[in-house]
């Protein structure tokens, strides 16, 4: 069975995990409504992608719970 001969230092452990950092998704401007959206995704504000309506968005209801 493979057993490590010495403990791995914090620096070597950090070097091994250096590529695992989280980063924010890259955003671009929607050409239709000019809101920020993710690249290669339909716009969540207007539903357009590639110059055409890709998803039909629901209108928010004006009813209030009470």
PDB file of N, CA and C in Angstrom:
ATOM      1  N   UNK A   1       0.833  -1.171   0.000  1.00  0.00           N
ATOM      2  CA  UNK A   1       0.000   0.000   0.000  1.00  0.00           C
ATOM      3  C   UNK A   1       0.886   1.245   0.000  1.00  0.00           C
ATOM      4  N   UNK A   2       0.524   2.240  -0.798  1.00  0.00           N
ATOM      5  CA  UNK A   2       1.311   3.458  -0.858  1.00  0.00           C
ATOM      6  C   UNK A   2       1.050   4.362   0.328  1.00  0.00           C
ATOM      7  N   UNK A   3       2.100   4.641   1.087  1.00  0.00           N
ATOM      8  CA  UNK A   3       1.986   5.514   2.246  1.00  0.00           C
ATOM      9  C   UNK A   3       3.001   6.637   2.087  1.00  0.00           C
ATOM     10  N   UNK A   4       2.581   7.923   2.282  1.00  0.00           N
ATOM     11  CA  UNK A   4       3.535   9.016   2.141  1.00  0.00           C
ATOM     12  C   UNK A   4       4.657   8.915   3.179  1.00  0.00           C
ATOM     13  N   UNK A   5       5.885   9.158   2.735  1.00  0.00           N
ATOM     14  CA  UNK A   5       7.034   9.077   3.650  1.00  0.00           C
ATOM     15  C   UNK A   5       7.106  10.305   4.548  1.00  0.00           C
ATOM     16  N   UNK A   6       6.750  11.501   3.973  1.00  0.00           N
ATOM     17  CA  UNK A   6       6.788  12.732   4.750  1.00  0.00           C
ATOM     18  C   UNK A   6       5.484  13.498   4.549  1.00  0.00           C
ATOM     19  N   UNK A   7       5.205  14.346   5.510  1.00  0.00           N
ATOM     20  CA  UNK A   7       4.019  15.195   5.424  1.00  0.00           C
ATOM     21  C   UNK A   7       4.186  16.214   4.295  1.00  0.00           C
ATOM     22  N   UNK A   8       3.111  16.492   3.584  1.00  0.00           N
ATOM     23  CA  UNK A   8       3.132  17.480   2.510  1.00  0.00           C
ATOM     24  C   UNK A   8       3.030  18.869   3.129  1.00  0.00           C
ATOM     25  N   UNK A   9       3.929  19.773   2.751  1.00  0.00           N
ATOM     26  CA  UNK A   9       3.933  21.117   3.328  1.00  0.00           C
ATOM     27  C   UNK A   9       2.738  21.917   2.821  1.00  0.00           C
ATOM     28  N   UNK A  10       2.422  23.010   3.543  1.00  0.00           N
ATOM     29  CA  UNK A  10       1.300  23.867   3.158  1.00  0.00           C
ATOM     30  C   UNK A  10       1.540  24.507   1.797  1.00  0.00           C
ATOM     31  N   UNK A  11       2.777  24.824   1.487  1.00  0.00           N
ATOM     32  CA  UNK A  11       3.096  25.449   0.205  1.00  0.00           C
ATOM     33  C   UNK A  11       2.832  24.485  -0.959  1.00  0.00           C
ATOM     34  N   UNK A  12       3.272  23.242  -0.809  1.00  0.00           N
ATOM     35  CA  UNK A  12       3.032  22.256  -1.872  1.00  0.00           C
ATOM     36  C   UNK A  12       1.540  21.948  -2.008  1.00  0.00           C
ATOM     37  N   UNK A  13       0.844  21.888  -0.891  1.00  0.00           N
ATOM     38  CA  UNK A  13      -0.599  21.670  -0.924  1.00  0.00           C
ATOM     39  C   UNK A  13      -1.287  22.826  -1.644  1.00  0.00           C
ATOM     40  N   UNK A  14      -0.850  24.067  -1.377  1.00  0.00           N
ATOM     41  CA  UNK A  14      -1.411  25.233  -2.050  1.00  0.00           C
ATOM     42  C   UNK A  14      -1.105  25.244  -3.535  1.00  0.00           C
ATOM     43  N   UNK A  15       0.103  24.808  -3.916  1.00  0.00           N
ATOM     44  CA  UNK A  15       0.466  24.737  -5.330  1.00  0.00           C
ATOM     45  C   UNK A  15      -0.428  23.742  -6.071  1.00  0.00           C
ATOM     46  N   UNK A  16      -0.740  22.638  -5.412  1.00  0.00           N
ATOM     47  CA  UNK A  16      -1.575  21.613  -6.034  1.00  0.00           C
ATOM     48  C   UNK A  16      -3.000  22.120  -6.237  1.00  0.00           C
ATOM     49  N   UNK A  17      -3.485  22.978  -5.318  1.00  0.00           N
ATOM     50  CA  UNK A  17      -4.855  23.472  -5.384  1.00  0.00           C
ATOM     51  C   UNK A  17      -4.969  24.847  -6.026  1.00  0.00           C
ATOM     52  N   UNK A  18      -3.913  25.345  -6.625  1.00  0.00           N
ATOM     53  CA  UNK A  18      -3.894  26.719  -7.154  1.00  0.00           C
ATOM     54  C   UNK A  18      -4.913  26.921  -8.275  1.00  0.00           C
ATOM     55  N   UNK A  19      -5.217  25.913  -9.038  1.00  0.00           N
ATOM     56  CA  UNK A  19      -6.135  26.051 -10.168  1.00  0.00           C
ATOM     57  C   UNK A  19      -7.599  25.896  -9.759  1.00  0.00           C
ATOM     58  N   UNK A  20      -7.874  25.653  -8.484  1.00  0.00           N
ATOM     59  CA  UNK A  20      -9.243  25.406  -8.039  1.00  0.00           C
ATOM     60  C   UNK A  20      -9.963  26.650  -7.544  1.00  0.00           C
ATOM     61  N   UNK A  21      -9.369  27.823  -7.719  1.00  0.00           N
ATOM     62  CA  UNK A  21      -9.972  29.055  -7.214  1.00  0.00           C
ATOM     63  C   UNK A  21     -11.268  29.360  -7.960  1.00  0.00           C
ATOM     64  N   UNK A  22     -12.249  29.915  -7.255  1.00  0.00           N
ATOM     65  CA  UNK A  22     -13.517  30.307  -7.856  1.00  0.00           C
ATOM     66  C   UNK A  22     -13.381  31.686  -8.467  1.00  0.00           C
ATOM     67  N   UNK A  23     -14.082  31.935  -9.550  1.00  0.00           N
ATOM     68  CA  UNK A  23     -14.077  33.263 -10.148  1.00  0.00           C
ATOM     69  C   UNK A  23     -15.476  33.583 -10.658  1.00  0.00           C
ATOM     70  N   UNK A  24     -15.747  34.863 -10.791  1.00  0.00           N
ATOM     71  CA  UNK A  24     -17.053  35.311 -11.254  1.00  0.00           C
ATOM     72  C   UNK A  24     -17.215  35.001 -12.737  1.00  0.00           C
ATOM     73  N   UNK A  25     -18.442  34.728 -13.193  1.00  0.00           N
ATOM     74  CA  UNK A  25     -18.647  34.476 -14.613  1.00  0.00           C
ATOM     75  C   UNK A  25     -18.440  35.751 -15.414  1.00  0.00           C
ATOM     76  N   UNK A  26     -17.936  35.586 -16.628  1.00  0.00           N
ATOM     77  CA  UNK A  26     -17.711  36.754 -17.475  1.00  0.00           C
ATOM     78  C   UNK A  26     -19.059  37.242 -18.006  1.00  0.00           C
ATOM     79  N   UNK A  27     -19.267  38.543 -17.950  1.00  0.00           N
ATOM     80  CA  UNK A  27     -20.522  39.136 -18.377  1.00  0.00           C
ATOM     81  C   UNK A  27     -20.307  39.993 -19.613  1.00  0.00           C
ATOM     82  N   UNK A  28     -21.342  40.113 -20.412  1.00  0.00           N
ATOM     83  CA  UNK A  28     -21.316  40.989 -21.581  1.00  0.00           C
ATOM     84  C   UNK A  28     -22.663  41.685 -21.691  1.00  0.00           C
ATOM     85  N   UNK A  29     -22.722  42.709 -22.511  1.00  0.00           N
ATOM     86  CA  UNK A  29     -23.946  43.490 -22.665  1.00  0.00           C
ATOM     87  C   UNK A  29     -24.880  42.818 -23.670  1.00  0.00           C
ATOM     88  N   UNK A  30     -26.142  42.733 -23.313  1.00  0.00           N
ATOM     89  CA  UNK A  30     -27.152  42.194 -24.227  1.00  0.00           C
ATOM     90  C   UNK A  30     -27.362  43.199 -25.356  1.00  0.00           C
ATOM     91  N   UNK A  31     -27.285  42.794 -26.619  1.00  0.00           N
ATOM     92  CA  UNK A  31     -27.474  43.748 -27.714  1.00  0.00           C
ATOM     93  C   UNK A  31     -28.915  44.234 -27.856  1.00  0.00           C
ATOM     94  N   UNK A  32     -29.858  43.523 -27.237  1.00  0.00           N
ATOM     95  CA  UNK A  32     -31.261  43.894 -27.372  1.00  0.00           C
ATOM     96  C   UNK A  32     -31.704  44.887 -26.299  1.00  0.00           C
ATOM     97  N   UNK A  33     -31.423  44.569 -25.023  1.00  0.00           N
ATOM     98  CA  UNK A  33     -31.900  45.429 -23.922  1.00  0.00           C
ATOM     99  C   UNK A  33     -30.764  46.114 -23.168  1.00  0.00           C
ATOM    100  N   UNK A  34     -29.511  45.807 -23.517  1.00  0.00           N
ATOM    101  CA  UNK A  34     -28.308  46.431 -22.950  1.00  0.00           C
ATOM    102  C   UNK A  34     -28.110  46.140 -21.464  1.00  0.00           C
ATOM    103  N   UNK A  35     -28.685  45.052 -20.972  1.00  0.00           N
ATOM    104  CA  UNK A  35     -28.428  44.601 -19.603  1.00  0.00           C
ATOM    105  C   UNK A  35     -27.234  43.639 -19.636  1.00  0.00           C
ATOM    106  N   UNK A  36     -26.604  43.416 -18.481  1.00  0.00           N
ATOM    107  CA  UNK A  36     -25.506  42.478 -18.389  1.00  0.00           C
ATOM    108  C   UNK A  36     -26.051  41.055 -18.405  1.00  0.00           C
ATOM    109  N   UNK A  37     -25.395  40.173 -19.184  1.00  0.00           N
ATOM    110  CA  UNK A  37     -25.793  38.770 -19.262  1.00  0.00           C
ATOM    111  C   UNK A  37     -24.548  37.914 -19.399  1.00  0.00           C
ATOM    112  N   UNK A  38     -24.683  36.624 -19.127  1.00  0.00           N
ATOM    113  CA  UNK A  38     -23.577  35.699 -19.298  1.00  0.00           C
ATOM    114  C   UNK A  38     -23.353  35.442 -20.772  1.00  0.00           C
ATOM    115  N   UNK A  39     -22.090  35.250 -21.165  1.00  0.00           N
ATOM    116  CA  UNK A  39     -21.764  34.934 -22.545  1.00  0.00           C
ATOM    117  C   UNK A  39     -22.390  33.595 -22.940  1.00  0.00           C
ATOM    118  N   UNK A  40     -22.882  33.501 -24.148  1.00  0.00           N
ATOM    119  CA  UNK A  40     -23.460  32.277 -24.707  1.00  0.00           C
ATOM    120  C   UNK A  40     -24.678  31.787 -23.931  1.00  0.00           C
ATOM    121  N   UNK A  41     -25.409  32.703 -23.293  1.00  0.00           N
ATOM    122  CA  UNK A  41     -26.651  32.392 -22.587  1.00  0.00           C
ATOM    123  C   UNK A  41     -27.718  33.373 -23.040  1.00  0.00           C
ATOM    124  N   UNK A  42     -28.964  32.956 -22.975  1.00  0.00           N
ATOM    125  CA  UNK A  42     -30.069  33.864 -23.263  1.00  0.00           C
ATOM    126  C   UNK A  42     -30.146  34.919 -22.161  1.00  0.00           C
ATOM    127  N   UNK A  43     -30.569  36.117 -22.538  1.00  0.00           N
ATOM    128  CA  UNK A  43     -30.681  37.216 -21.579  1.00  0.00           C
ATOM    129  C   UNK A  43     -31.844  36.922 -20.625  1.00  0.00           C
ATOM    130  N   UNK A  44     -31.585  37.074 -19.334  1.00  0.00           N
ATOM    131  CA  UNK A  44     -32.626  36.812 -18.338  1.00  0.00           C
ATOM    132  C   UNK A  44     -33.598  37.976 -18.217  1.00  0.00           C
ATOM    133  N   UNK A  45     -33.260  39.126 -18.780  1.00  0.00           N
ATOM    134  CA  UNK A  45     -34.119  40.300 -18.700  1.00  0.00           C
ATOM    135  C   UNK A  45     -35.143  40.314 -19.844  1.00  0.00           C
ATOM    136  N   UNK A  46     -34.680  40.058 -21.074  1.00  0.00           N
ATOM    137  CA  UNK A  46     -35.587  40.155 -22.220  1.00  0.00           C
ATOM    138  C   UNK A  46     -35.837  38.809 -22.913  1.00  0.00           C
ATOM    139  N   UNK A  47     -34.970  37.813 -22.689  1.00  0.00           N
ATOM    140  CA  UNK A  47     -35.174  36.488 -23.273  1.00  0.00           C
ATOM    141  C   UNK A  47     -34.580  36.317 -24.654  1.00  0.00           C
ATOM    142  N   UNK A  48     -33.823  37.299 -25.143  1.00  0.00           N
ATOM    143  CA  UNK A  48     -33.247  37.212 -26.477  1.00  0.00           C
ATOM    144  C   UNK A  48     -31.879  36.550 -26.449  1.00  0.00           C
ATOM    145  N   UNK A  49     -31.571  35.832 -27.529  1.00  0.00           N
ATOM    146  CA  UNK A  49     -30.252  35.248 -27.738  1.00  0.00           C
ATOM    147  C   UNK A  49     -30.021  35.157 -29.232  1.00  0.00           C
ATOM    148  N   UNK A  50     -28.913  35.678 -29.685  1.00  0.00           N
ATOM    149  CA  UNK A  50     -28.577  35.599 -31.108  1.00  0.00           C
ATOM    150  C   UNK A  50     -29.521  36.386 -31.988  1.00  0.00           C
ATOM    151  N   UNK A  51     -30.079  37.476 -31.489  1.00  0.00           N
ATOM    152  CA  UNK A  51     -30.948  38.318 -32.302  1.00  0.00           C
ATOM    153  C   UNK A  51     -32.387  37.854 -32.408  1.00  0.00           C
ATOM    154  N   UNK A  52     -32.767  36.816 -31.677  1.00  0.00           N
ATOM    155  CA  UNK A  52     -34.154  36.350 -31.732  1.00  0.00           C
ATOM    156  C   UNK A  52     -34.618  35.988 -30.330  1.00  0.00           C
ATOM    157  N   UNK A  53     -35.925  35.928 -30.147  1.00  0.00           N
ATOM    158  CA  UNK A  53     -36.505  35.574 -28.859  1.00  0.00           C
ATOM    159  C   UNK A  53     -36.277  34.084 -28.606  1.00  0.00           C
ATOM    160  N   UNK A  54     -35.517  33.777 -27.589  1.00  0.00           N
ATOM    161  CA  UNK A  54     -35.167  32.390 -27.310  1.00  0.00           C
ATOM    162  C   UNK A  54     -36.047  31.784 -26.232  1.00  0.00           C
ATOM    163  N   UNK A  55     -36.399  32.573 -25.208  1.00  0.00           N
ATOM    164  CA  UNK A  55     -37.244  32.072 -24.133  1.00  0.00           C
ATOM    165  C   UNK A  55     -38.339  33.088 -23.854  1.00  0.00           C
ATOM    166  N   UNK A  56     -39.518  32.576 -23.577  1.00  0.00           N
ATOM    167  CA  UNK A  56     -40.663  33.430 -23.258  1.00  0.00           C
ATOM    168  C   UNK A  56     -40.658  33.667 -21.752  1.00  0.00           C
ATOM    169  N   UNK A  57     -40.550  34.920 -21.343  1.00  0.00           N
ATOM    170  CA  UNK A  57     -40.494  35.251 -19.926  1.00  0.00           C
ATOM    171  C   UNK A  57     -41.886  35.551 -19.388  1.00  0.00           C
ATOM    172  N   UNK A  58     -42.126  35.136 -18.156  1.00  0.00           N
ATOM    173  CA  UNK A  58     -43.408  35.425 -17.510  1.00  0.00           C
ATOM    174  C   UNK A  58     -43.418  36.851 -17.008  1.00  0.00           C
ATOM    175  N   UNK A  59     -44.545  37.511 -17.095  1.00  0.00           N
ATOM    176  CA  UNK A  59     -44.708  38.860 -16.567  1.00  0.00           C
ATOM    177  C   UNK A  59     -44.969  38.768 -15.069  1.00  0.00           C
ATOM    178  N   UNK A  60     -44.365  39.623 -14.260  1.00  0.00           N
ATOM    179  CA  UNK A  60     -44.642  39.592 -12.824  1.00  0.00           C
ATOM    180  C   UNK A  60     -46.082  40.040 -12.556  1.00  0.00           C
ATOM    181  N   UNK A  61     -46.776  39.320 -11.685  1.00  0.00           N
ATOM    182  CA  UNK A  61     -48.164  39.656 -11.392  1.00  0.00           C
ATOM    183  C   UNK A  61     -48.219  40.836 -10.430  1.00  0.00           C
ATOM    184  N   UNK A  62     -49.252  41.638 -10.535  1.00  0.00           N
ATOM    185  CA  UNK A  62     -49.418  42.813  -9.693  1.00  0.00           C
ATOM    186  C   UNK A  62     -50.167  42.505  -8.407  1.00  0.00           C
ATOM    187  N   UNK A  63     -50.528  41.241  -8.200  1.00  0.00           N
ATOM    188  CA  UNK A  63     -51.262  40.864  -7.005  1.00  0.00           C
ATOM    189  C   UNK A  63     -50.324  40.864  -5.810  1.00  0.00           C
ATOM    190  N   UNK A  64     -50.867  41.268  -4.661  1.00  0.00           N
ATOM    191  CA  UNK A  64     -50.099  41.210  -3.427  1.00  0.00           C
ATOM    192  C   UNK A  64     -50.759  40.213  -2.486  1.00  0.00           C
ATOM    193  N   UNK A  65     -49.934  39.458  -1.797  1.00  0.00           N
ATOM    194  CA  UNK A  65     -50.474  38.470  -0.872  1.00  0.00           C
ATOM    195  C   UNK A  65     -51.012  39.172   0.367  1.00  0.00           C
ATOM    196  N   UNK A  66     -52.193  38.816   0.797  1.00  0.00           N
ATOM    197  CA  UNK A  66     -52.721  39.485   1.970  1.00  0.00           C
ATOM    198  C   UNK A  66     -53.841  38.828   2.580  1.00  0.00           C
TER     199      UNK A  66
END
